[in-house]
Amino acid sequence: MSSPSPVSGDARDDQTGRFVRQPNGRVRPLSPHLQIWRWHITMTASILFRVTIGAATVGAAMLVGWLAVLASGPDAYATLAACAASPLGLLVGIGLTWVLFSFLLNGGRHLINDTGAGLTVPSANLLSHIAVWGPFVLTAIFWIVLFASGKVSL
């Protein structure tokens, strides 16, 4: 699938358009991009892990805000509790629950990889599938249990 570099070392000899002469004079292959690479589950897991880091930062800021409201007294807390019980508040809660589970499963995937395990293609794919789809399943189970037990209602 890959083509050899130009024999004479000159990017002008390249008929494929896959090589370019860099400013330092070296001929190097062009970097692949998403139009060349096919999408893969490990790419999805990696991107989602970065997204969950940003979302967890927002969640941490919300936690600090919750602590500030808690310190402000019962009236402020009652207002926040009413907002959290609204449909928008429940949506935010569900989203943050997904972020938590995604962060935990992706962190577990990285922990397993850091030990040197799970680095073969089949095991990396399996761990990535768990990290991508697991948060949806765990979040659904978590909120179904909350609704079924009467702890949360609309």
C-alpha atoms as a PDB file:
ATOM      1  CA  MET A   1       0.000   0.000   0.000  1.00  0.00           C
ATOM      2  CA  SER A   2       2.844   2.399   0.738  1.00  0.00           C
ATOM      3  CA  SER A   3       4.971   3.561  -2.130  1.00  0.00           C
ATOM      4  CA  PRO A   4       8.735   3.826  -1.884  1.00  0.00           C
ATOM      5  CA  SER A   5      10.410   7.193  -1.670  1.00  0.00           C
ATOM      6  CA  PRO A   6      11.707   8.731  -4.899  1.00  0.00           C
ATOM      7  CA  VAL A   7      14.947   7.053  -5.980  1.00  0.00           C
ATOM      8  CA  SER A   8      16.888  10.186  -6.796  1.00  0.00           C
ATOM      9  CA  GLY A   9      15.764  11.931  -3.621  1.00  0.00           C
ATOM     10  CA  ASP A  10      14.020  14.691  -5.486  1.00  0.00           C
ATOM     11  CA  ALA A  11      10.350  15.454  -4.803  1.00  0.00           C
ATOM     12  CA  ARG A  12       9.935  16.311  -8.498  1.00  0.00           C
ATOM     13  CA  ASP A  13      10.577  12.621  -9.346  1.00  0.00           C
ATOM     14  CA  ASP A  14       7.549  11.608  -7.284  1.00  0.00           C
ATOM     15  CA  GLN A  15       4.620  10.695  -9.524  1.00  0.00           C
ATOM     16  CA  THR A  16       2.293   9.933  -6.595  1.00  0.00           C
ATOM     17  CA  GLY A  17       2.253  13.350  -4.963  1.00  0.00           C
ATOM     18  CA  ARG A  18       2.997  11.745  -1.612  1.00  0.00           C
ATOM     19  CA  PHE A  19       6.403  13.338  -1.097  1.00  0.00           C
ATOM     20  CA  VAL A  20       7.458  16.923  -0.592  1.00  0.00           C
ATOM     21  CA  ARG A  21      10.778  18.717  -0.307  1.00  0.00           C
ATOM     22  CA  GLN A  22      11.064  20.348   3.115  1.00  0.00           C
ATOM     23  CA  PRO A  23      12.805  23.711   3.637  1.00  0.00           C
ATOM     24  CA  ASN A  24      15.898  21.877   4.920  1.00  0.00           C
ATOM     25  CA  GLY A  25      16.174  20.092   1.551  1.00  0.00           C
ATOM     26  CA  ARG A  26      15.072  16.653   2.725  1.00  0.00           C
ATOM     27  CA  VAL A  27      12.375  14.769   0.893  1.00  0.00           C
ATOM     28  CA  ARG A  28       9.717  13.500   3.261  1.00  0.00           C
ATOM     29  CA  PRO A  29       6.312  11.894   2.785  1.00  0.00           C
ATOM     30  CA  LEU A  30       3.280  14.083   3.225  1.00  0.00           C
ATOM     31  CA  SER A  31       1.535  13.592   6.522  1.00  0.00           C
ATOM     32  CA  PRO A  32      -1.648  11.526   6.250  1.00  0.00           C
ATOM     33  CA  HIS A  33      -4.945  13.132   7.148  1.00  0.00           C
ATOM     34  CA  LEU A  34      -8.519  12.041   7.783  1.00  0.00           C
ATOM     35  CA  GLN A  35      -9.277  11.690   4.078  1.00  0.00           C
ATOM     36  CA  ILE A  36      -6.614   8.988   3.878  1.00  0.00           C
ATOM     37  CA  TRP A  37      -6.928   7.298   7.265  1.00  0.00           C
ATOM     38  CA  ARG A  38     -10.039   5.274   7.935  1.00  0.00           C
ATOM     39  CA  TRP A  39     -11.826   6.043  11.171  1.00  0.00           C
ATOM     40  CA  HIS A  40     -11.021   3.562  13.922  1.00  0.00           C
ATOM     41  CA  ILE A  41     -12.433   2.889  17.388  1.00  0.00           C
ATOM     42  CA  THR A  42      -9.115   3.690  19.072  1.00  0.00           C
ATOM     43  CA  MET A  43      -9.208   7.148  17.477  1.00  0.00           C
ATOM     44  CA  THR A  44     -12.713   7.648  18.845  1.00  0.00           C
ATOM     45  CA  ALA A  45     -11.666   6.561  22.337  1.00  0.00           C
ATOM     46  CA  SER A  46      -8.691   8.912  22.266  1.00  0.00           C
ATOM     47  CA  ILE A  47     -10.742  11.901  21.127  1.00  0.00           C
ATOM     48  CA  LEU A  48     -13.510  11.190  23.646  1.00  0.00           C
ATOM     49  CA  PHE A  49     -10.943  11.001  26.440  1.00  0.00           C
ATOM     50  CA  ARG A  50      -9.756  14.494  25.573  1.00  0.00           C
ATOM     51  CA  VAL A  51     -13.345  15.744  25.414  1.00  0.00           C
ATOM     52  CA  THR A  52     -14.139  14.245  28.814  1.00  0.00           C
ATOM     53  CA  ILE A  53     -11.116  15.966  30.341  1.00  0.00           C
ATOM     54  CA  GLY A  54     -12.541  19.313  29.241  1.00  0.00           C
ATOM     55  CA  ALA A  55     -16.035  18.382  30.384  1.00  0.00           C
ATOM     56  CA  ALA A  56     -14.706  17.189  33.754  1.00  0.00           C
ATOM     57  CA  THR A  57     -13.110  20.606  34.174  1.00  0.00           C
ATOM     58  CA  VAL A  58     -16.528  22.219  33.655  1.00  0.00           C
ATOM     59  CA  GLY A  59     -17.996  19.724  36.135  1.00  0.00           C
ATOM     60  CA  ALA A  60     -15.327  20.636  38.691  1.00  0.00           C
ATOM     61  CA  ALA A  61     -16.162  24.324  38.268  1.00  0.00           C
ATOM     62  CA  MET A  62     -19.838  23.478  38.799  1.00  0.00           C
ATOM     63  CA  LEU A  63     -18.900  21.596  41.975  1.00  0.00           C
ATOM     64  CA  VAL A  64     -17.087  24.671  43.283  1.00  0.00           C
ATOM     65  CA  GLY A  65     -20.177  26.741  42.436  1.00  0.00           C
ATOM     66  CA  TRP A  66     -22.357  24.235  44.281  1.00  0.00           C
ATOM     67  CA  LEU A  67     -20.118  24.565  47.355  1.00  0.00           C
ATOM     68  CA  ALA A  68     -20.385  28.358  47.145  1.00  0.00           C
ATOM     69  CA  VAL A  69     -24.186  28.152  46.970  1.00  0.00           C
ATOM     70  CA  LEU A  70     -24.180  25.681  49.861  1.00  0.00           C
ATOM     71  CA  ALA A  71     -22.200  28.166  51.954  1.00  0.00           C
ATOM     72  CA  SER A  72     -24.598  30.981  50.985  1.00  0.00           C
ATOM     73  CA  GLY A  73     -27.478  29.611  53.005  1.00  0.00           C
ATOM     74  CA  PRO A  74     -30.692  27.608  52.714  1.00  0.00           C
ATOM     75  CA  ASP A  75     -32.493  30.009  50.368  1.00  0.00           C
ATOM     76  CA  ALA A  76     -29.709  29.948  47.787  1.00  0.00           C
ATOM     77  CA  TYR A  77     -29.487  26.162  48.099  1.00  0.00           C
ATOM     78  CA  ALA A  78     -33.241  25.778  47.599  1.00  0.00           C
ATOM     79  CA  THR A  79     -32.981  27.797  44.381  1.00  0.00           C
ATOM     80  CA  LEU A  80     -30.101  25.634  43.150  1.00  0.00           C
ATOM     81  CA  ALA A  81     -31.978  22.448  44.060  1.00  0.00           C
ATOM     82  CA  ALA A  82     -34.969  23.653  42.033  1.00  0.00           C
ATOM     83  CA  CYS A  83     -32.707  24.352  39.043  1.00  0.00           C
ATOM     84  CA  ALA A  84     -31.068  20.920  39.374  1.00  0.00           C
ATOM     85  CA  ALA A  85     -34.494  19.237  39.428  1.00  0.00           C
ATOM     86  CA  SER A  86     -35.589  20.971  36.219  1.00  0.00           C
ATOM     87  CA  PRO A  87     -35.338  19.114  32.899  1.00  0.00           C
ATOM     88  CA  LEU A  88     -32.258  21.154  31.962  1.00  0.00           C
ATOM     89  CA  GLY A  89     -30.671  20.371  35.337  1.00  0.00           C
ATOM     90  CA  LEU A  90     -31.362  16.667  34.853  1.00  0.00           C
ATOM     91  CA  LEU A  91     -29.837  16.824  31.385  1.00  0.00           C
ATOM     92  CA  VAL A  92     -26.700  18.424  32.831  1.00  0.00           C
ATOM     93  CA  GLY A  93     -26.625  15.767  35.565  1.00  0.00           C
ATOM     94  CA  ILE A  94     -26.957  12.968  33.034  1.00  0.00           C
ATOM     95  CA  GLY A  95     -24.213  14.537  30.923  1.00  0.00           C
ATOM     96  CA  LEU A  96     -21.870  14.835  33.878  1.00  0.00           C
ATOM     97  CA  THR A  97     -22.602  11.232  34.832  1.00  0.00           C
ATOM     98  CA  TRP A  98     -21.627  10.171  31.309  1.00  0.00           C
ATOM     99  CA  VAL A  99     -18.443  12.248  31.624  1.00  0.00           C
ATOM    100  CA  LEU A 100     -17.583  10.558  34.921  1.00  0.00           C
ATOM    101  CA  PHE A 101     -18.066   7.042  33.539  1.00  0.00           C
ATOM    102  CA  SER A 102     -16.212   7.895  30.332  1.00  0.00           C
ATOM    103  CA  PHE A 103     -13.338   9.374  32.314  1.00  0.00           C
ATOM    104  CA  LEU A 104     -13.159   6.289  34.550  1.00  0.00           C
ATOM    105  CA  LEU A 105     -13.290   3.760  31.710  1.00  0.00           C
ATOM    106  CA  ASN A 106     -10.791   5.638  29.541  1.00  0.00           C
ATOM    107  CA  GLY A 107      -8.534   6.074  32.563  1.00  0.00           C
ATOM    108  CA  GLY A 108      -8.768   2.341  33.176  1.00  0.00           C
ATOM    109  CA  ARG A 109      -7.876   1.713  29.543  1.00  0.00           C
ATOM    110  CA  HIS A 110      -4.810   3.915  29.899  1.00  0.00           C
ATOM    111  CA  LEU A 111      -3.857   2.239  33.189  1.00  0.00           C
ATOM    112  CA  ILE A 112      -4.012  -1.186  31.541  1.00  0.00           C
ATOM    113  CA  ASN A 113      -1.955   0.067  28.598  1.00  0.00           C
ATOM    114  CA  ASP A 114       0.616   1.617  30.947  1.00  0.00           C
ATOM    115  CA  THR A 115       1.303  -1.813  32.431  1.00  0.00           C
ATOM    116  CA  GLY A 116       2.167  -3.070  28.953  1.00  0.00           C
ATOM    117  CA  ALA A 117      -1.017  -5.099  28.601  1.00  0.00           C
ATOM    118  CA  GLY A 118      -3.737  -4.551  26.024  1.00  0.00           C
ATOM    119  CA  LEU A 119      -1.402  -3.295  23.334  1.00  0.00           C
ATOM    120  CA  THR A 120      -2.234  -5.841  20.654  1.00  0.00           C
ATOM    121  CA  VAL A 121      -4.728  -4.749  18.036  1.00  0.00           C
ATOM    122  CA  PRO A 122      -7.596  -6.991  19.213  1.00  0.00           C
ATOM    123  CA  SER A 123      -7.185  -6.062  22.877  1.00  0.00           C
ATOM    124  CA  ALA A 124      -6.746  -2.346  22.080  1.00  0.00           C
ATOM    125  CA  ASN A 125      -9.944  -2.495  20.029  1.00  0.00           C
ATOM    126  CA  LEU A 126     -11.805  -4.261  22.841  1.00  0.00           C
ATOM    127  CA  LEU A 127     -10.663  -1.763  25.464  1.00  0.00           C
ATOM    128  CA  SER A 128     -11.548   1.119  23.155  1.00  0.00           C
ATOM    129  CA  HIS A 129     -15.037  -0.282  22.516  1.00  0.00           C
ATOM    130  CA  ILE A 130     -15.541  -0.589  26.281  1.00  0.00           C
ATOM    131  CA  ALA A 131     -14.313   2.985  26.802  1.00  0.00           C
ATOM    132  CA  VAL A 132     -16.543   4.376  24.034  1.00  0.00           C
ATOM    133  CA  TRP A 133     -19.790   2.451  24.582  1.00  0.00           C
ATOM    134  CA  GLY A 134     -19.531   1.597  28.283  1.00  0.00           C
ATOM    135  CA  PRO A 135     -20.323   5.119  29.550  1.00  0.00           C
ATOM    136  CA  PHE A 136     -23.631   5.120  27.669  1.00  0.00           C
ATOM    137  CA  VAL A 137     -24.654   1.808  29.221  1.00  0.00           C
ATOM    138  CA  LEU A 138     -23.480   2.707  32.730  1.00  0.00           C
ATOM    139  CA  THR A 139     -25.116   6.142  32.610  1.00  0.00           C
ATOM    140  CA  ALA A 140     -28.419   4.637  31.477  1.00  0.00           C
ATOM    141  CA  ILE A 141     -28.316   2.027  34.239  1.00  0.00           C
ATOM    142  CA  PHE A 142     -27.399   4.638  36.853  1.00  0.00           C
ATOM    143  CA  TRP A 143     -30.235   6.995  35.952  1.00  0.00           C
ATOM    144  CA  ILE A 144     -32.779   4.190  35.517  1.00  0.00           C
ATOM    145  CA  VAL A 145     -31.978   3.065  39.054  1.00  0.00           C
ATOM    146  CA  LEU A 146     -32.316   6.645  40.333  1.00  0.00           C
ATOM    147  CA  PHE A 147     -35.677   7.124  38.633  1.00  0.00           C
ATOM    148  CA  ALA A 148     -36.950   3.657  39.604  1.00  0.00           C
ATOM    149  CA  SER A 149     -36.026   4.136  43.248  1.00  0.00           C
ATOM    150  CA  GLY A 150     -37.814   7.493  43.385  1.00  0.00           C
ATOM    151  CA  LYS A 151     -34.646   9.458  44.210  1.00  0.00           C
ATOM    152  CA  VAL A 152     -35.132  11.542  41.050  1.00  0.00           C
ATOM    153  CA  SER A 153     -38.301  12.510  39.210  1.00  0.00           C
ATOM    154  CA  LEU A 154     -39.370  14.948  36.534  1.00  0.00           C
END
